[in-house]
N, C-alpha and C. Protein backbone atom coordinates (compact mmCIF):
# COMPACT_ATOMS: atom_id res chain seq x y z
N MET A 1 17.63 -5.10 -11.21
CA MET A 1 16.42 -5.93 -11.07
C MET A 1 16.07 -6.20 -12.46
N GLY A 2 15.58 -7.35 -12.97
CA GLY A 2 14.93 -7.68 -13.93
C GLY A 2 13.90 -8.67 -14.09
N ILE A 3 13.21 -8.82 -15.00
CA ILE A 3 11.83 -9.77 -15.01
C ILE A 3 12.41 -10.94 -16.02
N TYR A 4 12.43 -12.02 -15.47
CA TYR A 4 12.78 -13.26 -16.40
C TYR A 4 11.69 -13.81 -17.10
N ARG A 5 12.01 -14.25 -18.14
CA ARG A 5 11.06 -14.99 -19.02
C ARG A 5 10.28 -16.09 -18.36
N SER A 6 10.87 -16.84 -17.55
CA SER A 6 10.22 -17.92 -16.61
C SER A 6 9.06 -17.18 -15.84
N GLU A 7 9.38 -16.13 -15.30
CA GLU A 7 8.47 -15.40 -14.50
C GLU A 7 7.21 -14.98 -15.26
N ILE A 8 7.32 -14.48 -16.43
CA ILE A 8 6.17 -14.15 -17.20
C ILE A 8 5.62 -15.26 -17.75
N ALA A 9 6.26 -16.40 -18.00
CA ALA A 9 5.63 -17.63 -18.45
C ALA A 9 4.80 -18.26 -17.41
N ASP A 10 5.19 -18.04 -16.18
CA ASP A 10 4.37 -18.59 -15.05
C ASP A 10 3.15 -17.69 -14.75
N LEU A 11 3.26 -16.35 -14.96
CA LEU A 11 2.07 -15.52 -14.87
C LEU A 11 1.20 -15.55 -15.96
N ARG A 12 1.75 -15.85 -17.08
CA ARG A 12 0.76 -16.10 -18.18
C ARG A 12 -0.13 -17.30 -17.92
N LYS A 13 0.75 -18.35 -17.38
CA LYS A 13 -0.15 -19.63 -17.36
C LYS A 13 -1.07 -19.46 -16.28
N ASN A 14 -0.88 -18.68 -15.33
CA ASN A 14 -1.96 -18.49 -14.04
C ASN A 14 -3.08 -17.74 -14.62
N ILE A 15 -2.82 -16.67 -15.41
CA ILE A 15 -4.03 -16.07 -16.13
C ILE A 15 -4.75 -16.88 -17.17
N GLU A 16 -3.99 -17.75 -17.92
CA GLU A 16 -4.53 -18.56 -18.93
C GLU A 16 -5.49 -19.60 -18.26
N GLU A 17 -5.20 -20.01 -16.86
CA GLU A 17 -6.13 -20.99 -16.32
C GLU A 17 -7.30 -20.39 -15.76
N ASN A 18 -7.36 -19.22 -15.82
CA ASN A 18 -8.52 -18.36 -15.25
C ASN A 18 -9.29 -17.57 -16.38
N ILE A 19 -9.18 -17.97 -17.55
CA ILE A 19 -9.91 -17.26 -18.73
C ILE A 19 -11.39 -17.59 -18.33
N GLY A 20 -12.19 -16.55 -18.53
CA GLY A 20 -13.63 -16.49 -18.30
C GLY A 20 -13.96 -16.18 -16.96
N LYS A 21 -13.12 -15.86 -16.03
CA LYS A 21 -13.27 -15.51 -14.64
C LYS A 21 -13.43 -14.14 -14.49
N LYS A 22 -14.03 -13.71 -13.47
CA LYS A 22 -14.21 -12.26 -13.17
C LYS A 22 -12.97 -11.63 -12.30
N ILE A 23 -12.54 -10.51 -12.64
CA ILE A 23 -11.36 -9.88 -12.03
C ILE A 23 -11.73 -8.58 -11.76
N ILE A 24 -11.02 -7.70 -10.91
CA ILE A 24 -11.05 -6.38 -10.88
C ILE A 24 -9.57 -5.79 -11.30
N ILE A 25 -9.64 -4.85 -12.00
CA ILE A 25 -8.36 -4.25 -12.52
C ILE A 25 -8.22 -2.85 -12.02
N LYS A 26 -7.15 -2.71 -11.20
CA LYS A 26 -6.89 -1.30 -10.70
C LYS A 26 -5.64 -0.85 -11.27
N GLU A 27 -5.95 0.34 -12.04
CA GLU A 27 -4.99 1.08 -12.80
C GLU A 27 -4.57 2.25 -12.01
N SER A 28 -3.35 2.67 -12.30
CA SER A 28 -2.92 3.98 -11.65
C SER A 28 -2.61 4.82 -12.90
N PRO A 29 -3.40 5.97 -13.12
CA PRO A 29 -3.44 6.60 -14.35
C PRO A 29 -2.28 7.61 -14.27
N GLY A 30 -1.84 8.05 -13.02
CA GLY A 30 -0.82 9.06 -12.73
C GLY A 30 -0.67 9.38 -11.44
N LYS A 31 0.33 10.37 -11.13
CA LYS A 31 0.79 10.60 -9.89
C LYS A 31 -0.56 11.45 -9.07
N ARG A 32 -0.95 12.31 -9.85
CA ARG A 32 -2.20 13.00 -9.10
C ARG A 32 -3.48 12.49 -9.17
N SER A 33 -3.65 11.55 -10.20
CA SER A 33 -4.93 11.09 -10.34
C SER A 33 -5.26 9.85 -9.40
N LYS A 34 -6.64 9.68 -9.15
CA LYS A 34 -6.96 8.46 -8.20
C LYS A 34 -7.06 7.18 -8.84
N PRO A 35 -6.54 6.21 -8.42
CA PRO A 35 -6.49 4.90 -9.10
C PRO A 35 -8.11 4.46 -9.48
N GLN A 36 -8.21 3.71 -10.69
CA GLN A 36 -9.40 3.36 -11.08
C GLN A 36 -9.62 1.99 -11.10
N GLU A 37 -10.78 1.30 -10.48
CA GLU A 37 -11.03 0.00 -10.43
C GLU A 37 -12.16 -0.24 -11.40
N LYS A 38 -11.91 -1.27 -12.26
CA LYS A 38 -12.84 -1.69 -13.15
C LYS A 38 -13.32 -3.24 -13.20
N SER A 39 -14.37 -3.53 -13.26
CA SER A 39 -14.75 -5.02 -13.41
C SER A 39 -14.57 -5.57 -14.63
N ALA A 40 -13.97 -6.80 -14.95
CA ALA A 40 -13.70 -7.33 -16.24
C ALA A 40 -13.76 -8.92 -16.07
N ILE A 41 -13.84 -9.54 -17.22
CA ILE A 41 -13.60 -11.01 -17.44
C ILE A 41 -12.59 -11.15 -18.21
N ILE A 42 -11.64 -12.09 -17.90
CA ILE A 42 -10.32 -12.56 -18.76
C ILE A 42 -10.98 -13.16 -20.15
N GLU A 43 -10.65 -12.61 -21.18
CA GLU A 43 -11.21 -13.08 -22.36
C GLU A 43 -10.20 -14.04 -23.22
N ASN A 44 -8.87 -13.62 -23.28
CA ASN A 44 -7.89 -14.34 -23.94
C ASN A 44 -6.45 -13.98 -23.46
N VAL A 45 -5.48 -14.78 -23.67
CA VAL A 45 -4.14 -14.88 -23.32
C VAL A 45 -3.31 -15.00 -24.68
N TYR A 46 -2.36 -14.15 -24.62
CA TYR A 46 -1.51 -14.09 -25.79
C TYR A 46 -0.01 -13.96 -25.20
N GLN A 47 1.06 -14.09 -26.11
CA GLN A 47 2.54 -14.28 -25.79
C GLN A 47 2.77 -13.17 -24.64
N SER A 48 2.54 -12.05 -25.09
CA SER A 48 3.11 -10.73 -24.31
C SER A 48 1.99 -9.99 -23.65
N TYR A 49 0.73 -10.31 -23.81
CA TYR A 49 -0.31 -9.51 -23.10
C TYR A 49 -1.64 -10.42 -23.01
N PHE A 50 -2.51 -9.87 -22.09
CA PHE A 50 -3.69 -10.57 -22.10
C PHE A 50 -4.93 -9.60 -22.18
N ARG A 51 -6.02 -10.23 -22.74
CA ARG A 51 -7.23 -9.29 -23.15
C ARG A 51 -8.32 -9.52 -22.08
N VAL A 52 -8.91 -8.55 -21.76
CA VAL A 52 -10.19 -8.54 -20.92
C VAL A 52 -11.37 -7.98 -21.46
N LYS A 53 -12.54 -8.35 -21.22
CA LYS A 53 -13.71 -7.53 -21.48
C LYS A 53 -14.43 -6.81 -20.25
N PHE A 54 -14.56 -5.60 -20.34
CA PHE A 54 -15.10 -4.82 -19.14
C PHE A 54 -16.58 -4.94 -19.00
N GLU A 55 -17.08 -5.08 -17.83
CA GLU A 55 -18.55 -5.48 -17.61
C GLU A 55 -19.41 -4.18 -17.62
N GLU A 56 -19.02 -2.97 -17.18
CA GLU A 56 -19.74 -1.72 -17.27
C GLU A 56 -19.98 -1.33 -18.64
N ALA A 57 -19.05 -1.46 -19.58
CA ALA A 57 -19.15 -1.03 -20.93
C ALA A 57 -18.92 -2.08 -21.84
N ASP A 58 -19.43 -2.14 -23.08
CA ASP A 58 -19.10 -3.28 -24.03
C ASP A 58 -18.05 -2.96 -24.79
N ARG A 59 -16.73 -3.03 -24.01
CA ARG A 59 -15.56 -2.83 -24.72
C ARG A 59 -14.46 -3.70 -24.12
N VAL A 60 -13.41 -3.77 -24.71
CA VAL A 60 -12.23 -4.76 -24.46
C VAL A 60 -11.00 -3.86 -24.10
N GLY A 61 -10.22 -4.40 -23.51
CA GLY A 61 -9.00 -3.69 -22.96
C GLY A 61 -7.78 -4.80 -22.90
N SER A 62 -6.46 -4.44 -23.03
CA SER A 62 -5.37 -5.37 -23.05
C SER A 62 -4.29 -4.87 -22.02
N TYR A 63 -3.54 -5.65 -21.48
CA TYR A 63 -2.55 -5.36 -20.47
C TYR A 63 -1.47 -6.34 -20.72
N ASN A 64 -0.07 -5.75 -20.68
CA ASN A 64 1.09 -6.45 -20.55
C ASN A 64 1.38 -7.10 -19.44
N TYR A 65 2.01 -8.43 -19.32
CA TYR A 65 2.37 -9.00 -18.12
C TYR A 65 3.30 -8.10 -17.40
N THR A 66 4.27 -7.31 -18.01
CA THR A 66 5.19 -6.46 -17.37
C THR A 66 4.58 -5.37 -16.49
N ASP A 67 3.15 -5.01 -16.96
CA ASP A 67 2.51 -4.01 -16.13
C ASP A 67 2.21 -4.49 -14.65
N LEU A 68 1.99 -5.91 -14.74
CA LEU A 68 1.74 -6.38 -13.30
C LEU A 68 2.99 -6.44 -12.50
N PHE A 69 3.94 -6.76 -13.24
CA PHE A 69 5.34 -6.81 -12.40
C PHE A 69 5.75 -5.40 -11.95
N THR A 70 5.63 -4.31 -12.66
CA THR A 70 5.84 -3.03 -12.31
C THR A 70 4.89 -2.39 -11.34
N ARG A 71 3.63 -3.00 -11.25
CA ARG A 71 2.64 -2.45 -10.44
C ARG A 71 1.93 -1.28 -10.94
N SER A 72 2.04 -1.09 -12.25
CA SER A 72 1.16 0.05 -12.89
C SER A 72 -0.15 -0.45 -12.98
N VAL A 73 -0.49 -1.77 -12.97
CA VAL A 73 -1.82 -2.38 -13.10
C VAL A 73 -1.69 -3.48 -11.98
N GLU A 74 -2.77 -3.65 -11.20
CA GLU A 74 -2.92 -4.62 -10.21
C GLU A 74 -4.27 -5.56 -10.50
N VAL A 75 -4.27 -6.79 -10.46
CA VAL A 75 -5.33 -7.59 -10.75
C VAL A 75 -5.74 -8.39 -9.50
N SER A 76 -6.98 -8.40 -9.17
CA SER A 76 -7.62 -9.28 -8.22
C SER A 76 -8.60 -10.23 -8.82
N MET A 77 -8.56 -11.44 -8.51
CA MET A 77 -9.39 -12.56 -9.17
C MET A 77 -10.44 -12.99 -8.16
N TYR A 78 -11.54 -13.15 -8.66
CA TYR A 78 -12.70 -13.54 -7.91
C TYR A 78 -12.57 -15.01 -7.73
N ASN A 79 -12.70 -15.55 -6.51
CA ASN A 79 -12.73 -16.85 -6.17
C ASN A 79 -13.90 -17.60 -5.90
N GLY A 80 -15.10 -16.84 -6.13
CA GLY A 80 -16.33 -17.39 -5.85
C GLY A 80 -17.08 -16.58 -4.62
N GLU A 81 -16.26 -16.20 -3.89
CA GLU A 81 -16.79 -15.44 -2.57
C GLU A 81 -16.21 -14.01 -2.77
N THR A 82 -14.75 -13.88 -2.82
CA THR A 82 -14.14 -12.54 -2.60
C THR A 82 -13.16 -12.39 -3.64
N TYR A 83 -12.71 -11.27 -3.74
CA TYR A 83 -11.57 -11.02 -4.67
C TYR A 83 -10.12 -10.94 -4.00
N GLU A 84 -9.23 -11.86 -4.57
CA GLU A 84 -7.95 -11.97 -3.93
C GLU A 84 -7.04 -11.40 -5.04
N PRO A 85 -5.89 -10.72 -4.60
CA PRO A 85 -4.94 -10.27 -5.42
C PRO A 85 -4.19 -11.54 -6.11
N LEU A 86 -3.84 -11.25 -7.37
CA LEU A 86 -3.23 -12.12 -8.20
C LEU A 86 -1.83 -12.35 -7.67
N VAL A 87 -1.44 -13.68 -7.22
CA VAL A 87 -0.08 -13.75 -6.82
C VAL A 87 0.83 -13.69 -7.76
N GLN A 88 1.89 -12.96 -7.57
CA GLN A 88 2.91 -12.60 -8.39
C GLN A 88 4.12 -13.23 -7.93
N PRO A 89 4.97 -13.62 -8.96
CA PRO A 89 6.31 -14.21 -8.50
C PRO A 89 7.21 -13.06 -7.91
N GLN A 90 7.90 -13.35 -6.86
CA GLN A 90 8.70 -12.21 -6.45
C GLN A 90 9.97 -12.07 -7.17
N LEU A 91 10.31 -10.87 -7.38
CA LEU A 91 11.49 -10.71 -8.21
C LEU A 91 12.82 -10.81 -7.31
N GLU A 92 13.76 -11.48 -7.86
CA GLU A 92 15.09 -11.45 -7.01
C GLU A 92 15.88 -10.40 -7.14
N ILE A 93 16.30 -9.74 -6.25
CA ILE A 93 17.24 -8.70 -6.27
C ILE A 93 18.59 -9.07 -5.90
N LYS A 94 19.46 -9.14 -6.81
CA LYS A 94 20.80 -9.67 -6.63
C LYS A 94 21.78 -8.59 -6.17
N LYS A 95 22.48 -8.64 -5.10
CA LYS A 95 23.32 -7.77 -4.52
C LYS A 95 24.63 -8.13 -4.83
N THR A 96 25.56 -7.33 -5.22
CA THR A 96 26.85 -7.52 -5.52
C THR A 96 27.75 -6.89 -4.54
N ARG A 97 28.85 -7.67 -4.14
CA ARG A 97 29.71 -7.09 -3.14
C ARG A 97 30.66 -6.22 -3.88
N VAL A 98 30.78 -4.98 -3.33
CA VAL A 98 31.67 -4.09 -3.83
C VAL A 98 32.94 -4.12 -2.78
N GLU A 99 34.11 -4.29 -3.35
CA GLU A 99 35.37 -4.24 -2.42
C GLU A 99 35.97 -2.76 -2.44
N PRO A 100 36.16 -2.55 -1.18
CA PRO A 100 36.75 -1.09 -0.93
C PRO A 100 37.99 -0.72 -1.71
N ILE A 101 38.25 0.45 -2.35
CA ILE A 101 39.22 0.85 -2.91
C ILE A 101 40.44 1.23 -2.07
N THR A 102 41.63 0.55 -2.26
CA THR A 102 42.80 0.80 -1.37
C THR A 102 43.79 1.56 -2.22
N GLU A 103 44.53 2.34 -1.66
CA GLU A 103 45.57 2.84 -2.38
C GLU A 103 46.88 2.32 -2.07
N ASN A 104 47.71 2.00 -3.00
CA ASN A 104 49.01 1.19 -2.68
C ASN A 104 50.14 2.41 -2.55
N SER A 105 50.75 2.31 -1.70
CA SER A 105 51.83 3.43 -1.52
C SER A 105 53.13 3.00 -1.82
């Protein structure tokens, strides 16, 4: 399974269209830790990552687009009434057919 450049480009475009909007970022810090949710505003979009400004503290953070595909970071966007998960392209899983091995006698 792989992440294609076109999928990252689509995700980047989606985030870029929402610059200045409120989001909630849910990070999974580790197996034994509880996921943390933080309110932020999308500040800028770059080639391989995007930057946000957190509301509770006067600081910024950045996240790779691949973090969203691997689900180590989840983003929900504010639509004016509620927060909805950022729609991500579904990764294609290609199955290859394996022929059984036969012995020639």
